[in-house]
Amino acid sequence: VARCSSVQDLESVVAETIDESNITATASAAVASAVQEVKELLSMAEDCGIADFVSFDATVVRGLAYYTGIVFECFDRRGELRAICGGGRYDHLLTKYGAKTKIPCVGFGFGDCVVMELLSERGKLFELPHRVDFVVAPYNRGMVGKAMAVAAVLREAGASVDSVLEPRRKVAQAFDYANRAGADFMAFVAPDEWEAGDVCIKSLRAPLPSELISRVSKV
């Protein structure tokens, strides 16, 4: 690996290995084909004007056995952080999950933590407001499904909704969660109100739009 700083080095090492090893003609052809594939990829990168962003590295190894072709890793230009993403070519993976024919693919896994670190170092992070239109909370476990129905109606009306899936032991805890989530409204789905055809909605920061009131009343 230390000798393979370029594709030309790789070709030389492969040729020497084939000469010194007792490998079959089929294996020899497969190795030569793999080297040619790398050369073609770098040539296409040159044609596409992105050669400055691509370099050959014989030390790149992906730890999954389903890759059947070239593997890669992507880094920031300064090379100060670990890989932002990594992946490669795989021809047979989808057949393991039901595909009737071979479907060649290229995929990669993205490191969100590395991206956040990179954006932070470059001063490119932007503030996202920590808010939501509604938090919908059930009174108890028996009301979870009803609360999900209310949340669905609100989303259909165009509202952003955060659902409390685990009922809080105290009502105050649910309202505290809604406040910390930056919710404008808290929809509390309780048995008595539900039986009466009502949903309790508390305004935390803004008046409730009338169109949402009519939507919720139809749940």
Protein backbone atom coordinates (compact mmCIF):
# COMPACT_ATOMS: atom_id res chain seq x y z
CA VAL A 1 0.00 0.00 0.00
CA ALA A 2 2.84 2.40 0.84
CA ARG A 3 4.09 2.10 -2.74
CA CYS A 4 0.69 2.90 -4.29
CA SER A 5 0.54 6.69 -4.31
CA SER A 6 -0.86 6.76 -7.85
CA VAL A 7 -2.70 4.53 -10.29
CA GLN A 8 0.57 4.04 -12.14
CA ASP A 9 2.13 2.72 -8.94
CA LEU A 10 -0.85 0.42 -8.53
CA GLU A 11 -0.40 -0.96 -12.04
CA SER A 12 3.26 -1.72 -11.34
CA VAL A 13 2.54 -3.43 -8.04
CA VAL A 14 -0.24 -5.49 -9.58
CA ALA A 15 1.95 -6.54 -12.50
CA GLU A 16 4.75 -7.60 -10.14
CA THR A 17 2.32 -9.49 -7.91
CA ILE A 18 0.83 -11.35 -10.85
CA ASP A 19 4.28 -12.28 -12.13
CA GLU A 20 5.43 -13.52 -8.72
CA SER A 21 2.22 -15.31 -7.76
CA ASN A 22 0.70 -18.48 -9.01
CA ILE A 23 -2.76 -17.08 -9.74
CA THR A 24 -5.18 -18.18 -12.40
CA ALA A 25 -5.72 -16.36 -15.67
CA THR A 26 -9.26 -15.53 -14.55
CA ALA A 27 -8.05 -13.89 -11.34
CA SER A 28 -5.36 -12.02 -13.25
CA ALA A 29 -7.97 -10.66 -15.68
CA ALA A 30 -10.22 -9.59 -12.80
CA VAL A 31 -7.38 -7.64 -11.17
CA ALA A 32 -6.46 -5.95 -14.46
CA SER A 33 -10.12 -5.04 -15.00
CA ALA A 34 -10.33 -3.45 -11.54
CA VAL A 35 -7.24 -1.32 -12.20
CA GLN A 36 -8.66 -0.25 -15.56
CA GLU A 37 -11.91 0.74 -13.85
CA VAL A 38 -10.02 3.08 -11.53
CA LYS A 39 -8.16 4.61 -14.48
CA GLU A 40 -11.42 5.17 -16.36
CA LEU A 41 -13.01 6.84 -13.36
CA LEU A 42 -10.10 9.27 -12.96
CA SER A 43 -10.16 9.97 -16.68
CA MET A 44 -13.87 10.78 -16.54
CA ALA A 45 -13.25 13.06 -13.55
CA GLU A 46 -10.72 14.90 -15.74
CA ASP A 47 -13.26 15.17 -18.57
CA CYS A 48 -15.90 16.54 -16.18
CA GLY A 49 -13.53 19.17 -14.82
CA ILE A 50 -13.50 17.78 -11.28
CA ALA A 51 -10.09 16.10 -11.29
CA ASP A 52 -8.79 18.62 -8.74
CA PHE A 53 -11.31 17.22 -6.28
CA VAL A 54 -10.39 13.55 -6.82
CA SER A 55 -7.27 11.67 -5.79
CA PHE A 56 -6.31 8.01 -5.72
CA ASP A 57 -5.73 6.51 -2.27
CA ALA A 58 -4.93 2.81 -1.94
CA THR A 59 -5.50 2.93 1.82
CA VAL A 60 -9.26 3.52 1.53
CA VAL A 61 -11.03 0.40 2.78
CA ARG A 62 -14.75 0.08 3.45
CA GLY A 63 -15.71 -2.47 6.08
CA LEU A 64 -18.75 -3.96 4.35
CA ALA A 65 -18.56 -7.04 2.14
CA TYR A 66 -21.26 -6.11 -0.37
CA TYR A 67 -19.12 -3.67 -2.37
CA THR A 68 -18.26 -4.98 -5.83
CA GLY A 69 -16.39 -2.02 -7.32
CA ILE A 70 -14.64 1.21 -6.46
CA VAL A 71 -15.06 2.55 -2.93
CA PHE A 72 -14.54 6.17 -1.92
CA GLU A 73 -14.45 8.65 0.94
CA CYS A 74 -15.05 12.40 0.83
CA PHE A 75 -13.21 14.98 2.92
CA ASP A 76 -13.14 18.74 3.28
CA ARG A 77 -10.50 20.45 1.14
CA ARG A 78 -8.25 21.16 4.12
CA GLY A 79 -8.29 17.51 5.14
CA GLU A 80 -8.54 18.39 8.81
CA LEU A 81 -11.61 16.33 9.67
CA ARG A 82 -12.49 12.69 9.30
CA ALA A 83 -14.48 11.57 6.25
CA ILE A 84 -17.70 13.45 5.61
CA CYS A 85 -19.12 10.48 3.74
CA GLY A 86 -18.02 7.16 2.33
CA GLY A 87 -19.44 4.51 0.06
CA GLY A 88 -18.98 2.67 -3.20
CA ARG A 89 -20.35 0.49 -5.96
CA TYR A 90 -22.45 -2.58 -5.21
CA ASP A 91 -24.13 -4.75 -7.83
CA HIS A 92 -25.82 -7.50 -5.83
CA LEU A 93 -27.06 -5.92 -2.61
CA LEU A 94 -30.66 -5.37 -3.70
CA THR A 95 -31.04 -9.01 -4.74
CA LYS A 96 -30.57 -9.89 -1.08
CA TYR A 97 -33.71 -7.90 -0.33
CA GLY A 98 -35.99 -9.27 -3.02
CA ALA A 99 -34.87 -7.77 -6.33
CA LYS A 100 -35.37 -10.32 -9.11
CA THR A 101 -32.46 -9.06 -11.20
CA LYS A 102 -29.08 -7.50 -10.50
CA ILE A 103 -29.42 -3.74 -10.00
CA PRO A 104 -26.06 -1.95 -10.02
CA CYS A 105 -25.97 0.93 -7.53
CA VAL A 106 -23.64 3.46 -5.96
CA GLY A 107 -24.40 4.62 -2.44
CA PHE A 108 -22.81 6.34 0.50
CA GLY A 109 -23.34 7.01 4.16
CA PHE A 110 -23.28 10.62 5.35
CA GLY A 111 -21.79 11.78 8.65
CA ASP A 112 -24.10 14.51 9.95
CA CYS A 113 -21.84 15.21 12.95
CA VAL A 114 -18.86 15.87 10.68
CA VAL A 115 -20.96 18.19 8.49
CA MET A 116 -22.09 20.17 11.54
CA GLU A 117 -18.50 20.42 12.77
CA LEU A 118 -17.31 21.56 9.35
CA LEU A 119 -20.06 24.19 8.99
CA SER A 120 -19.34 25.44 12.48
CA GLU A 121 -15.62 25.83 11.79
CA ARG A 122 -16.35 27.68 8.54
CA GLY A 123 -18.91 29.95 10.18
CA LYS A 124 -21.66 28.63 7.89
CA LEU A 125 -24.17 27.48 10.50
CA PHE A 126 -27.48 29.30 10.53
CA GLU A 127 -30.03 29.61 13.27
CA LEU A 128 -33.21 27.59 12.95
CA PRO A 129 -36.09 28.88 15.06
CA HIS A 130 -37.03 26.36 17.70
CA ARG A 131 -40.78 26.49 17.25
CA VAL A 132 -43.80 24.50 16.12
CA ASP A 133 -47.44 25.43 15.62
CA PHE A 134 -48.95 22.71 17.82
CA VAL A 135 -47.95 20.20 20.41
CA VAL A 136 -50.61 17.49 20.73
CA ALA A 137 -50.60 15.54 23.99
CA PRO A 138 -52.80 12.66 25.18
CA TYR A 139 -54.18 12.59 28.71
CA ASN A 140 -53.28 8.92 29.13
CA ARG A 141 -52.19 5.91 27.08
CA GLY A 142 -55.77 5.20 26.06
CA MET A 143 -55.94 8.58 24.33
CA VAL A 144 -52.74 8.21 22.29
CA GLY A 145 -54.57 7.09 19.15
CA LYS A 146 -57.08 9.93 19.46
CA ALA A 147 -54.23 12.41 19.89
CA MET A 148 -52.57 11.05 16.74
CA ALA A 149 -55.85 11.60 14.86
CA VAL A 150 -55.94 15.21 16.01
CA ALA A 151 -52.30 15.66 14.97
CA ALA A 152 -53.09 14.25 11.50
CA VAL A 153 -55.95 16.70 11.01
CA LEU A 154 -53.79 19.63 12.06
CA ARG A 155 -51.04 18.58 9.65
CA GLU A 156 -53.56 18.29 6.82
CA ALA A 157 -54.55 21.87 7.58
CA GLY A 158 -50.93 22.93 7.07
CA ALA A 159 -49.86 23.24 10.70
CA SER A 160 -46.53 21.96 11.99
CA VAL A 161 -47.16 19.48 14.78
CA ASP A 162 -45.12 17.79 17.50
CA SER A 163 -46.85 14.81 19.10
CA VAL A 164 -46.25 13.67 22.67
CA LEU A 165 -46.32 9.88 22.28
CA GLU A 166 -45.68 9.04 25.91
CA PRO A 167 -48.34 10.56 28.19
CA ARG A 168 -46.89 12.71 30.94
CA ARG A 169 -47.73 11.83 34.55
CA LYS A 170 -48.81 15.40 35.21
CA VAL A 171 -50.68 17.77 32.91
CA ALA A 172 -48.21 20.51 33.81
CA GLN A 173 -45.39 18.41 32.35
CA ALA A 174 -47.14 18.25 28.99
CA PHE A 175 -47.59 22.02 28.95
CA ASP A 176 -43.97 22.48 29.94
CA TYR A 177 -42.92 20.29 27.02
CA ALA A 178 -45.06 22.37 24.64
CA ASN A 179 -43.50 25.56 25.93
CA ARG A 180 -39.95 24.23 25.54
CA ALA A 181 -40.81 23.09 22.00
CA GLY A 182 -41.76 26.66 21.15
CA ALA A 183 -45.36 25.70 20.37
CA ASP A 184 -47.93 28.41 19.71
CA PHE A 185 -50.72 26.08 20.81
CA MET A 186 -51.19 23.06 23.00
CA ALA A 187 -53.88 20.52 22.06
CA PHE A 188 -54.68 18.33 25.06
CA VAL A 189 -56.73 15.24 24.20
CA ALA A 190 -58.60 14.04 27.31
CA PRO A 191 -61.39 11.45 27.72
CA ASP A 192 -64.18 13.71 29.02
CA GLU A 193 -63.70 16.36 26.37
CA TRP A 194 -63.36 13.71 23.66
CA GLU A 195 -66.63 12.06 24.66
CA ALA A 196 -68.26 15.48 24.41
CA GLY A 197 -66.77 15.97 20.94
CA ASP A 198 -64.23 18.54 22.10
CA VAL A 199 -60.46 18.93 22.14
CA CYS A 200 -58.94 21.36 24.61
CA ILE A 201 -56.62 23.79 22.82
CA LYS A 202 -54.67 26.32 24.84
CA SER A 203 -53.07 29.31 23.18
CA LEU A 204 -49.52 29.72 24.44
CA ARG A 205 -48.36 32.55 22.22
CA ALA A 206 -50.92 33.46 19.53
CA PRO A 207 -54.65 33.46 18.77
CA LEU A 208 -55.99 30.25 17.23
CA PRO A 209 -56.96 30.58 13.53
CA SER A 210 -60.67 29.93 12.98
CA GLU A 211 -60.04 27.50 10.11
CA LEU A 212 -58.10 25.21 12.44
CA ILE A 213 -60.94 25.28 14.96
CA SER A 214 -63.36 24.01 12.31
CA ARG A 215 -60.90 21.31 11.19
CA VAL A 216 -60.37 19.95 14.71
CA SER A 217 -64.09 19.91 15.37
CA LYS A 218 -64.49 17.37 12.55
CA VAL A 219 -62.10 14.78 13.99
